[in-house]
């Protein structure tokens, strides 16, 4: 009997949320006009990527652990 895991819908929602979460930091980085603004935008971008990695890892672990047996 095949094991069930996250469906295509799960991966679609997860990737869509990741893209939407990255829109603001990328726009902020592209609009930075001074070195200080670029530094702040870079820090925001790094923090968002780090938080998304943690949140995605937790979500994937939960999706695999809560699957139907």
Protein backbone atom coordinates (compact mmCIF):
# COMPACT_ATOMS: atom_id res chain seq x y z
CA UNK A 1 0.00 0.00 0.00
CA UNK A 2 1.56 3.33 -1.02
CA UNK A 3 2.17 5.89 1.66
CA UNK A 4 0.34 9.16 1.31
CA UNK A 5 2.23 12.40 1.66
CA UNK A 6 1.61 16.05 0.91
CA UNK A 7 -0.46 16.56 -2.21
CA UNK A 8 0.19 18.83 -5.14
CA UNK A 9 -2.17 21.34 -3.56
CA UNK A 10 0.05 21.56 -0.47
CA UNK A 11 3.15 22.26 -2.57
CA UNK A 12 1.27 24.82 -4.68
CA UNK A 13 0.05 26.72 -1.62
CA UNK A 14 3.49 26.58 0.01
CA UNK A 15 5.29 27.88 -3.07
CA UNK A 16 2.68 30.61 -3.65
CA UNK A 17 3.03 31.83 -0.06
CA UNK A 18 6.82 31.84 -0.41
CA UNK A 19 6.66 33.93 -3.57
CA UNK A 20 4.19 36.36 -2.01
CA UNK A 21 6.33 36.67 1.12
CA UNK A 22 9.38 37.51 -1.01
CA UNK A 23 7.69 40.24 -3.04
CA UNK A 24 8.01 43.01 -0.44
CA UNK A 25 11.72 42.49 0.38
CA UNK A 26 12.64 42.31 -3.31
CA UNK A 27 10.70 45.49 -4.09
CA UNK A 28 12.31 47.17 -1.07
CA UNK A 29 15.76 46.12 -2.29
CA UNK A 30 15.14 47.30 -5.84
CA UNK A 31 13.90 50.72 -4.68
CA UNK A 32 16.82 51.34 -2.31
CA UNK A 33 18.63 54.45 -3.48
CA UNK A 34 21.33 54.89 -0.83
CA UNK A 35 23.84 52.56 0.79
CA UNK A 36 21.95 52.65 4.08
CA UNK A 37 18.69 51.73 2.41
CA UNK A 38 20.42 48.91 0.52
CA UNK A 39 21.85 47.57 3.77
CA UNK A 40 18.44 47.61 5.47
CA UNK A 41 16.79 46.00 2.44
CA UNK A 42 19.47 43.30 2.35
CA UNK A 43 18.98 42.57 6.05
CA UNK A 44 15.20 42.36 5.58
CA UNK A 45 15.70 40.01 2.62
CA UNK A 46 18.03 37.73 4.59
CA UNK A 47 15.69 37.64 7.60
CA UNK A 48 12.67 36.82 5.43
CA UNK A 49 14.56 34.01 3.67
CA UNK A 50 15.68 32.61 7.03
CA UNK A 51 12.15 32.76 8.48
CA UNK A 52 10.66 31.17 5.37
CA UNK A 53 13.17 28.33 5.57
CA UNK A 54 12.17 27.65 9.19
CA UNK A 55 8.43 27.95 8.52
CA UNK A 56 8.64 25.76 5.41
CA UNK A 57 10.60 23.11 7.29
CA UNK A 58 8.01 23.00 10.06
CA UNK A 59 5.17 22.89 7.54
CA UNK A 60 6.75 20.06 5.57
CA UNK A 61 7.49 18.06 8.72
CA UNK A 62 3.89 18.50 9.86
CA UNK A 63 2.54 17.55 6.45
CA UNK A 64 4.51 14.31 6.45
CA UNK A 65 3.82 13.49 10.10
CA UNK A 66 0.05 14.09 9.84
CA UNK A 67 -0.43 12.02 6.70
CA UNK A 68 -3.01 9.25 6.64
CA UNK A 69 -1.58 5.82 7.38
